[in-house]
Amino acid sequence: MASGRNGTLYLGSTSDLAARAYQHRNGLMDGLTKKHGCRLLVWYQGHDEIEGARARELQMKKWKRQWKLTTIEQMNPDWHDLYPSLF
C-alpha cells in the first residue's frame, strides 16, 4: 500500500488481499496506513502459503527504500491503484 507515487509505503502479508486492501483503503485499521493515508494498492505478490508470504514480507522490510520502489515500478511503472484489478 502507498500514499502516492514515491510516498509512504506499507508492506504486509495477508491470506485475503482484497479484504485487507479494502480495510486499508477505507481507514478501517488504525496504524501507519491510516495515519499516512496509504490507500493505494501499488504492488502485490502471490504465494501458495501464508508462511511464504510472511517470509517475503520480513525479507523486503530489510530492503533499502530504493529497492522497494524499483520492485513496485517493475510491476506498476505508473503507480496505478491495482485494487480494482483484484475483481
PDB file of N, CA and C in Angstrom:
ATOM      1  N   MET A   1       0.860  -1.168   0.000  1.00  0.00           N
ATOM      2  CA  MET A   1       0.000   0.000   0.000  1.00  0.00           C
ATOM      3  C   MET A   1       0.906   1.229   0.000  1.00  0.00           C
ATOM      4  N   ALA A   2       0.404   2.300  -0.613  1.00  0.00           N
ATOM      5  CA  ALA A   2       1.178   3.540  -0.669  1.00  0.00           C
ATOM      6  C   ALA A   2       0.233   4.730  -0.573  1.00  0.00           C
ATOM      7  N   SER A   3       0.787   5.845  -0.122  1.00  0.00           N
ATOM      8  CA  SER A   3       0.003   7.079  -0.050  1.00  0.00           C
ATOM      9  C   SER A   3      -0.027   7.771  -1.413  1.00  0.00           C
ATOM     10  N   GLY A   4       0.900   7.439  -2.274  1.00  0.00           N
ATOM     11  CA  GLY A   4       1.006   8.015  -3.610  1.00  0.00           C
ATOM     12  C   GLY A   4       2.350   7.663  -4.190  1.00  0.00           C
ATOM     13  N   ARG A   5       2.591   8.110  -5.394  1.00  0.00           N
ATOM     14  CA  ARG A   5       3.872   7.813  -6.042  1.00  0.00           C
ATOM     15  C   ARG A   5       5.023   8.321  -5.172  1.00  0.00           C
ATOM     16  N   ASN A   6       5.927   7.424  -4.831  1.00  0.00           N
ATOM     17  CA  ASN A   6       7.092   7.736  -4.002  1.00  0.00           C
ATOM     18  C   ASN A   6       6.721   8.269  -2.619  1.00  0.00           C
ATOM     19  N   GLY A   7       5.496   8.005  -2.171  1.00  0.00           N
ATOM     20  CA  GLY A   7       5.052   8.449  -0.856  1.00  0.00           C
ATOM     21  C   GLY A   7       5.365   7.417   0.208  1.00  0.00           C
ATOM     22  N   THR A   8       4.590   7.437   1.262  1.00  0.00           N
ATOM     23  CA  THR A   8       4.746   6.477   2.345  1.00  0.00           C
ATOM     24  C   THR A   8       4.361   5.094   1.845  1.00  0.00           C
ATOM     25  N   LEU A   9       5.173   4.095   2.186  1.00  0.00           N
ATOM     26  CA  LEU A   9       4.928   2.715   1.787  1.00  0.00           C
ATOM     27  C   LEU A   9       4.565   1.880   3.001  1.00  0.00           C
ATOM     28  N   TYR A  10       3.668   0.935   2.801  1.00  0.00           N
ATOM     29  CA  TYR A  10       3.322  -0.047   3.831  1.00  0.00           C
ATOM     30  C   TYR A  10       3.459  -1.419   3.209  1.00  0.00           C
ATOM     31  N   LEU A  11       4.114  -2.305   3.903  1.00  0.00           N
ATOM     32  CA  LEU A  11       4.334  -3.664   3.430  1.00  0.00           C
ATOM     33  C   LEU A  11       3.767  -4.625   4.462  1.00  0.00           C
ATOM     34  N   GLY A  12       2.932  -5.547   4.012  1.00  0.00           N
ATOM     35  CA  GLY A  12       2.342  -6.516   4.923  1.00  0.00           C
ATOM     36  C   GLY A  12       2.020  -7.801   4.190  1.00  0.00           C
ATOM     37  N   SER A  13       1.528  -8.775   4.929  1.00  0.00           N
ATOM     38  CA  SER A  13       1.104 -10.036   4.325  1.00  0.00           C
ATOM     39  C   SER A  13      -0.280 -10.383   4.859  1.00  0.00           C
ATOM     40  N   THR A  14      -1.038 -11.102   4.045  1.00  0.00           N
ATOM     41  CA  THR A  14      -2.399 -11.460   4.404  1.00  0.00           C
ATOM     42  C   THR A  14      -2.835 -12.687   3.621  1.00  0.00           C
ATOM     43  N   SER A  15      -3.834 -13.373   4.116  1.00  0.00           N
ATOM     44  CA  SER A  15      -4.400 -14.506   3.380  1.00  0.00           C
ATOM     45  C   SER A  15      -5.585 -14.057   2.516  1.00  0.00           C
ATOM     46  N   ASP A  16      -5.997 -12.794   2.629  1.00  0.00           N
ATOM     47  CA  ASP A  16      -7.114 -12.259   1.840  1.00  0.00           C
ATOM     48  C   ASP A  16      -6.784 -10.827   1.411  1.00  0.00           C
ATOM     49  N   LEU A  17      -6.093 -10.706   0.292  1.00  0.00           N
ATOM     50  CA  LEU A  17      -5.607  -9.407  -0.163  1.00  0.00           C
ATOM     51  C   LEU A  17      -6.736  -8.415  -0.405  1.00  0.00           C
ATOM     52  N   ALA A  18      -7.788  -8.842  -1.056  1.00  0.00           N
ATOM     53  CA  ALA A  18      -8.888  -7.921  -1.363  1.00  0.00           C
ATOM     54  C   ALA A  18      -9.499  -7.349  -0.087  1.00  0.00           C
ATOM     55  N   ALA A  19      -9.747  -8.195   0.897  1.00  0.00           N
ATOM     56  CA  ALA A  19     -10.341  -7.730   2.158  1.00  0.00           C
ATOM     57  C   ALA A  19      -9.393  -6.803   2.906  1.00  0.00           C
ATOM     58  N   ARG A  20      -8.117  -7.158   2.968  1.00  0.00           N
ATOM     59  CA  ARG A  20      -7.162  -6.326   3.690  1.00  0.00           C
ATOM     60  C   ARG A  20      -6.971  -4.980   2.998  1.00  0.00           C
ATOM     61  N   ALA A  21      -6.869  -4.993   1.667  1.00  0.00           N
ATOM     62  CA  ALA A  21      -6.732  -3.740   0.927  1.00  0.00           C
ATOM     63  C   ALA A  21      -7.964  -2.861   1.148  1.00  0.00           C
ATOM     64  N   TYR A  22      -9.145  -3.451   1.172  1.00  0.00           N
ATOM     65  CA  TYR A  22     -10.383  -2.707   1.430  1.00  0.00           C
ATOM     66  C   TYR A  22     -10.308  -2.020   2.798  1.00  0.00           C
ATOM     67  N   GLN A  23      -9.849  -2.746   3.794  1.00  0.00           N
ATOM     68  CA  GLN A  23      -9.731  -2.180   5.139  1.00  0.00           C
ATOM     69  C   GLN A  23      -8.787  -0.984   5.150  1.00  0.00           C
ATOM     70  N   HIS A  24      -7.646  -1.115   4.507  1.00  0.00           N
ATOM     71  CA  HIS A  24      -6.679  -0.012   4.465  1.00  0.00           C
ATOM     72  C   HIS A  24      -7.224   1.166   3.666  1.00  0.00           C
ATOM     73  N   ARG A  25      -7.838   0.894   2.525  1.00  0.00           N
ATOM     74  CA  ARG A  25      -8.378   1.951   1.663  1.00  0.00           C
ATOM     75  C   ARG A  25      -9.425   2.796   2.373  1.00  0.00           C
ATOM     76  N   ASN A  26     -10.174   2.166   3.230  1.00  0.00           N
ATOM     77  CA  ASN A  26     -11.283   2.844   3.892  1.00  0.00           C
ATOM     78  C   ASN A  26     -10.966   3.267   5.321  1.00  0.00           C
ATOM     79  N   GLY A  27      -9.705   3.210   5.709  1.00  0.00           N
ATOM     80  CA  GLY A  27      -9.285   3.668   7.026  1.00  0.00           C
ATOM     81  C   GLY A  27      -9.878   2.886   8.175  1.00  0.00           C
ATOM     82  N   LEU A  28     -10.155   1.600   7.957  1.00  0.00           N
ATOM     83  CA  LEU A  28     -10.787   0.770   8.979  1.00  0.00           C
ATOM     84  C   LEU A  28      -9.794   0.178   9.971  1.00  0.00           C
ATOM     85  N   MET A  29      -8.507   0.333   9.698  1.00  0.00           N
ATOM     86  CA  MET A  29      -7.478  -0.207  10.575  1.00  0.00           C
ATOM     87  C   MET A  29      -6.610   0.935  11.089  1.00  0.00           C
ATOM     88  N   ASP A  30      -6.488   1.023  12.391  1.00  0.00           N
ATOM     89  CA  ASP A  30      -5.602   2.031  12.966  1.00  0.00           C
ATOM     90  C   ASP A  30      -4.154   1.645  12.683  1.00  0.00           C
ATOM     91  N   GLY A  31      -3.316   2.643  12.608  1.00  0.00           N
ATOM     92  CA  GLY A  31      -1.902   2.371  12.405  1.00  0.00           C
ATOM     93  C   GLY A  31      -1.313   3.214  11.298  1.00  0.00           C
ATOM     94  N   LEU A  32      -0.193   2.756  10.772  1.00  0.00           N
ATOM     95  CA  LEU A  32       0.578   3.503   9.781  1.00  0.00           C
ATOM     96  C   LEU A  32      -0.239   3.849   8.544  1.00  0.00           C
ATOM     97  N   THR A  33      -0.988   2.894   8.003  1.00  0.00           N
ATOM     98  CA  THR A  33      -1.723   3.156   6.766  1.00  0.00           C
ATOM     99  C   THR A  33      -2.774   4.233   6.947  1.00  0.00           C
ATOM    100  N   LYS A  34      -3.453   4.223   8.062  1.00  0.00           N
ATOM    101  CA  LYS A  34      -4.471   5.239   8.331  1.00  0.00           C
ATOM    102  C   LYS A  34      -3.819   6.594   8.589  1.00  0.00           C
ATOM    103  N   LYS A  35      -2.779   6.601   9.397  1.00  0.00           N
ATOM    104  CA  LYS A  35      -2.093   7.845   9.761  1.00  0.00           C
ATOM    105  C   LYS A  35      -1.494   8.547   8.548  1.00  0.00           C
ATOM    106  N   HIS A  36      -0.941   7.772   7.608  1.00  0.00           N
ATOM    107  CA  HIS A  36      -0.231   8.344   6.472  1.00  0.00           C
ATOM    108  C   HIS A  36      -1.015   8.269   5.156  1.00  0.00           C
ATOM    109  N   GLY A  37      -2.267   7.810   5.224  1.00  0.00           N
ATOM    110  CA  GLY A  37      -3.102   7.788   4.029  1.00  0.00           C
ATOM    111  C   GLY A  37      -2.671   6.793   2.968  1.00  0.00           C
ATOM    112  N   CYS A  38      -2.175   5.654   3.398  1.00  0.00           N
ATOM    113  CA  CYS A  38      -1.759   4.615   2.453  1.00  0.00           C
ATOM    114  C   CYS A  38      -3.001   3.863   1.988  1.00  0.00           C
ATOM    115  N   ARG A  39      -3.578   4.327   0.894  1.00  0.00           N
ATOM    116  CA  ARG A  39      -4.841   3.783   0.410  1.00  0.00           C
ATOM    117  C   ARG A  39      -4.731   3.129  -0.962  1.00  0.00           C
ATOM    118  N   LEU A  40      -3.566   3.225  -1.592  1.00  0.00           N
ATOM    119  CA  LEU A  40      -3.393   2.689  -2.938  1.00  0.00           C
ATOM    120  C   LEU A  40      -2.654   1.355  -2.896  1.00  0.00           C
ATOM    121  N   LEU A  41      -3.217   0.355  -3.532  1.00  0.00           N
ATOM    122  CA  LEU A  41      -2.531  -0.923  -3.689  1.00  0.00           C
ATOM    123  C   LEU A  41      -1.675  -0.796  -4.942  1.00  0.00           C
ATOM    124  N   VAL A  42      -0.373  -0.681  -4.775  1.00  0.00           N
ATOM    125  CA  VAL A  42       0.513  -0.435  -5.919  1.00  0.00           C
ATOM    126  C   VAL A  42       1.382  -1.641  -6.288  1.00  0.00           C
ATOM    127  N   TRP A  43       1.399  -2.667  -5.459  1.00  0.00           N
ATOM    128  CA  TRP A  43       2.200  -3.858  -5.735  1.00  0.00           C
ATOM    129  C   TRP A  43       1.695  -4.988  -4.860  1.00  0.00           C
ATOM    130  N   TYR A  44       1.758  -6.193  -5.387  1.00  0.00           N
ATOM    131  CA  TYR A  44       1.488  -7.379  -4.572  1.00  0.00           C
ATOM    132  C   TYR A  44       2.168  -8.572  -5.208  1.00  0.00           C
ATOM    133  N   GLN A  45       2.322  -9.601  -4.414  1.00  0.00           N
ATOM    134  CA  GLN A  45       2.945 -10.841  -4.877  1.00  0.00           C
ATOM    135  C   GLN A  45       2.195 -11.995  -4.244  1.00  0.00           C
ATOM    136  N   GLY A  46       1.740 -12.928  -5.056  1.00  0.00           N
ATOM    137  CA  GLY A  46       1.010 -14.087  -4.547  1.00  0.00           C
ATOM    138  C   GLY A  46       1.937 -15.185  -4.055  1.00  0.00           C
ATOM    139  N   HIS A  47       1.465 -15.915  -3.058  1.00  0.00           N
ATOM    140  CA  HIS A  47       2.189 -17.065  -2.505  1.00  0.00           C
ATOM    141  C   HIS A  47       1.185 -18.179  -2.247  1.00  0.00           C
ATOM    142  N   ASP A  48       1.632 -19.403  -2.341  1.00  0.00           N
ATOM    143  CA  ASP A  48       0.753 -20.545  -2.091  1.00  0.00           C
ATOM    144  C   ASP A  48       0.414 -20.708  -0.619  1.00  0.00           C
ATOM    145  N   GLU A  49       1.348 -20.342   0.230  1.00  0.00           N
ATOM    146  CA  GLU A  49       1.162 -20.496   1.680  1.00  0.00           C
ATOM    147  C   GLU A  49       1.450 -19.172   2.373  1.00  0.00           C
ATOM    148  N   ILE A  50       0.735 -18.888   3.454  1.00  0.00           N
ATOM    149  CA  ILE A  50       0.919 -17.642   4.204  1.00  0.00           C
ATOM    150  C   ILE A  50       2.325 -17.563   4.791  1.00  0.00           C
ATOM    151  N   GLU A  51       2.918 -18.710   5.101  1.00  0.00           N
ATOM    152  CA  GLU A  51       4.277 -18.703   5.648  1.00  0.00           C
ATOM    153  C   GLU A  51       5.269 -18.124   4.644  1.00  0.00           C
ATOM    154  N   GLY A  52       5.103 -18.471   3.377  1.00  0.00           N
ATOM    155  CA  GLY A  52       5.965 -17.929   2.335  1.00  0.00           C
ATOM    156  C   GLY A  52       5.767 -16.435   2.169  1.00  0.00           C
ATOM    157  N   ALA A  53       4.513 -16.005   2.261  1.00  0.00           N
ATOM    158  CA  ALA A  53       4.218 -14.576   2.168  1.00  0.00           C
ATOM    159  C   ALA A  53       4.840 -13.819   3.334  1.00  0.00           C
ATOM    160  N   ARG A  54       4.738 -14.372   4.512  1.00  0.00           N
ATOM    161  CA  ARG A  54       5.297 -13.724   5.703  1.00  0.00           C
ATOM    162  C   ARG A  54       6.829 -13.646   5.612  1.00  0.00           C
ATOM    163  N   ALA A  55       7.449 -14.710   5.135  1.00  0.00           N
ATOM    164  CA  ALA A  55       8.905 -14.710   4.983  1.00  0.00           C
ATOM    165  C   ALA A  55       9.344 -13.639   3.977  1.00  0.00           C
ATOM    166  N   ARG A  56       8.600 -13.511   2.871  1.00  0.00           N
ATOM    167  CA  ARG A  56       8.919 -12.493   1.868  1.00  0.00           C
ATOM    168  C   ARG A  56       8.735 -11.094   2.448  1.00  0.00           C
ATOM    169  N   GLU A  57       7.670 -10.898   3.221  1.00  0.00           N
ATOM    170  CA  GLU A  57       7.435  -9.599   3.877  1.00  0.00           C
ATOM    171  C   GLU A  57       8.619  -9.229   4.760  1.00  0.00           C
ATOM    172  N   LEU A  58       9.047 -10.150   5.594  1.00  0.00           N
ATOM    173  CA  LEU A  58      10.149  -9.868   6.510  1.00  0.00           C
ATOM    174  C   LEU A  58      11.443  -9.595   5.743  1.00  0.00           C
ATOM    175  N   GLN A  59      11.652 -10.310   4.638  1.00  0.00           N
ATOM    176  CA  GLN A  59      12.827 -10.080   3.809  1.00  0.00           C
ATOM    177  C   GLN A  59      12.785  -8.664   3.227  1.00  0.00           C
ATOM    178  N   MET A  60      11.657  -8.293   2.658  1.00  0.00           N
ATOM    179  CA  MET A  60      11.538  -6.993   1.999  1.00  0.00           C
ATOM    180  C   MET A  60      11.588  -5.825   2.979  1.00  0.00           C
ATOM    181  N   LYS A  61      11.148  -6.035   4.196  1.00  0.00           N
ATOM    182  CA  LYS A  61      11.204  -4.963   5.195  1.00  0.00           C
ATOM    183  C   LYS A  61      12.649  -4.577   5.527  1.00  0.00           C
ATOM    184  N   LYS A  62      13.586  -5.451   5.231  1.00  0.00           N
ATOM    185  CA  LYS A  62      15.005  -5.157   5.453  1.00  0.00           C
ATOM    186  C   LYS A  62      15.632  -4.423   4.267  1.00  0.00           C
ATOM    187  N   TRP A  63      14.918  -4.359   3.166  1.00  0.00           N
ATOM    188  CA  TRP A  63      15.440  -3.740   1.951  1.00  0.00           C
ATOM    189  C   TRP A  63      15.551  -2.232   2.086  1.00  0.00           C
ATOM    190  N   LYS A  64      16.442  -1.661   1.309  1.00  0.00           N
ATOM    191  CA  LYS A  64      16.518  -0.211   1.169  1.00  0.00           C
ATOM    192  C   LYS A  64      15.265   0.258   0.440  1.00  0.00           C
ATOM    193  N   ARG A  65      14.852   1.471   0.730  1.00  0.00           N
ATOM    194  CA  ARG A  65      13.654   2.029   0.109  1.00  0.00           C
ATOM    195  C   ARG A  65      13.730   1.983  -1.417  1.00  0.00           C
ATOM    196  N   GLN A  66      14.883   2.310  -1.994  1.00  0.00           N
ATOM    197  CA  GLN A  66      15.013   2.323  -3.452  1.00  0.00           C
ATOM    198  C   GLN A  66      14.744   0.950  -4.052  1.00  0.00           C
ATOM    199  N   TRP A  67      15.137  -0.109  -3.377  1.00  0.00           N
ATOM    200  CA  TRP A  67      14.868  -1.456  -3.880  1.00  0.00           C
ATOM    201  C   TRP A  67      13.361  -1.702  -3.935  1.00  0.00           C
ATOM    202  N   LYS A  68      12.658  -1.222  -2.919  1.00  0.00           N
ATOM    203  CA  LYS A  68      11.196  -1.380  -2.900  1.00  0.00           C
ATOM    204  C   LYS A  68      10.555  -0.585  -4.039  1.00  0.00           C
ATOM    205  N   LEU A  69      11.015   0.645  -4.249  1.00  0.00           N
ATOM    206  CA  LEU A  69      10.475   1.469  -5.332  1.00  0.00           C
ATOM    207  C   LEU A  69      10.726   0.809  -6.688  1.00  0.00           C
ATOM    208  N   THR A  70      11.902   0.258  -6.882  1.00  0.00           N
ATOM    209  CA  THR A  70      12.232  -0.424  -8.130  1.00  0.00           C
ATOM    210  C   THR A  70      11.326  -1.635  -8.339  1.00  0.00           C
ATOM    211  N   THR A  71      11.074  -2.380  -7.283  1.00  0.00           N
ATOM    212  CA  THR A  71      10.197  -3.550  -7.368  1.00  0.00           C
ATOM    213  C   THR A  71       8.780  -3.141  -7.743  1.00  0.00           C
ATOM    214  N   ILE A  72       8.281  -2.087  -7.120  1.00  0.00           N
ATOM    215  CA  ILE A  72       6.946  -1.579  -7.461  1.00  0.00           C
ATOM    216  C   ILE A  72       6.908  -1.181  -8.935  1.00  0.00           C
ATOM    217  N   GLU A  73       7.893  -0.429  -9.378  1.00  0.00           N
ATOM    218  CA  GLU A  73       7.871   0.118 -10.731  1.00  0.00           C
ATOM    219  C   GLU A  73       8.104  -0.938 -11.807  1.00  0.00           C
ATOM    220  N   GLN A  74       8.673  -2.077 -11.451  1.00  0.00           N
ATOM    221  CA  GLN A  74       8.791  -3.171 -12.418  1.00  0.00           C
ATOM    222  C   GLN A  74       7.409  -3.744 -12.736  1.00  0.00           C
ATOM    223  N   MET A  75       6.545  -3.811 -11.741  1.00  0.00           N
ATOM    224  CA  MET A  75       5.191  -4.343 -11.925  1.00  0.00           C
ATOM    225  C   MET A  75       4.204  -3.252 -12.327  1.00  0.00           C
ATOM    226  N   ASN A  76       4.406  -2.053 -11.812  1.00  0.00           N
ATOM    227  CA  ASN A  76       3.420  -0.987 -11.930  1.00  0.00           C
ATOM    228  C   ASN A  76       4.137   0.351 -12.150  1.00  0.00           C
ATOM    229  N   PRO A  77       4.704   0.564 -13.340  1.00  0.00           N
ATOM    230  CA  PRO A  77       5.536   1.753 -13.576  1.00  0.00           C
ATOM    231  C   PRO A  77       4.814   3.084 -13.386  1.00  0.00           C
ATOM    232  N   ASP A  78       3.505   3.098 -13.548  1.00  0.00           N
ATOM    233  CA  ASP A  78       2.745   4.344 -13.411  1.00  0.00           C
ATOM    234  C   ASP A  78       2.058   4.479 -12.051  1.00  0.00           C
ATOM    235  N   TRP A  79       2.313   3.560 -11.167  1.00  0.00           N
ATOM    236  CA  TRP A  79       1.761   3.587  -9.813  1.00  0.00           C
ATOM    237  C   TRP A  79       0.232   3.645  -9.818  1.00  0.00           C
ATOM    238  N   HIS A  80      -0.391   2.875 -10.717  1.00  0.00           N
ATOM    239  CA  HIS A  80      -1.849   2.803 -10.737  1.00  0.00           C
ATOM    240  C   HIS A  80      -2.322   2.054  -9.494  1.00  0.00           C
ATOM    241  N   ASP A  81      -3.527   2.364  -9.042  1.00  0.00           N
ATOM    242  CA  ASP A  81      -4.141   1.627  -7.953  1.00  0.00           C
ATOM    243  C   ASP A  81      -4.581   0.268  -8.507  1.00  0.00           C
ATOM    244  N   LEU A  82      -4.013  -0.805  -8.007  1.00  0.00           N
ATOM    245  CA  LEU A  82      -4.288  -2.150  -8.507  1.00  0.00           C
ATOM    246  C   LEU A  82      -5.489  -2.806  -7.847  1.00  0.00           C
ATOM    247  N   TYR A  83      -6.061  -2.154  -6.859  1.00  0.00           N
ATOM    248  CA  TYR A  83      -7.204  -2.749  -6.152  1.00  0.00           C
ATOM    249  C   TYR A  83      -8.324  -3.180  -7.096  1.00  0.00           C
ATOM    250  N   PRO A  84      -8.758  -2.340  -8.043  1.00  0.00           N
ATOM    251  CA  PRO A  84      -9.851  -2.771  -8.935  1.00  0.00           C
ATOM    252  C   PRO A  84      -9.503  -4.012  -9.762  1.00  0.00           C
ATOM    253  N   SER A  85      -8.234  -4.263 -10.010  1.00  0.00           N
ATOM    254  CA  SER A  85      -7.841  -5.421 -10.813  1.00  0.00           C
ATOM    255  C   SER A  85      -7.981  -6.731 -10.042  1.00  0.00           C
ATOM    256  N   LEU A  86      -8.241  -6.669  -8.747  1.00  0.00           N
ATOM    257  CA  LEU A  86      -8.391  -7.882  -7.947  1.00  0.00           C
ATOM    258  C   LEU A  86      -9.733  -8.551  -8.201  1.00  0.00           C
ATOM    259  N   PHE A  87     -10.647  -7.848  -8.846  1.00  0.00           N
ATOM    260  CA  PHE A  87     -12.011  -8.358  -9.046  1.00  0.00           C
ATOM    261  C   PHE A  87     -12.328  -8.625 -10.499  1.00  0.00           C
TER     262      PHE A  87
END
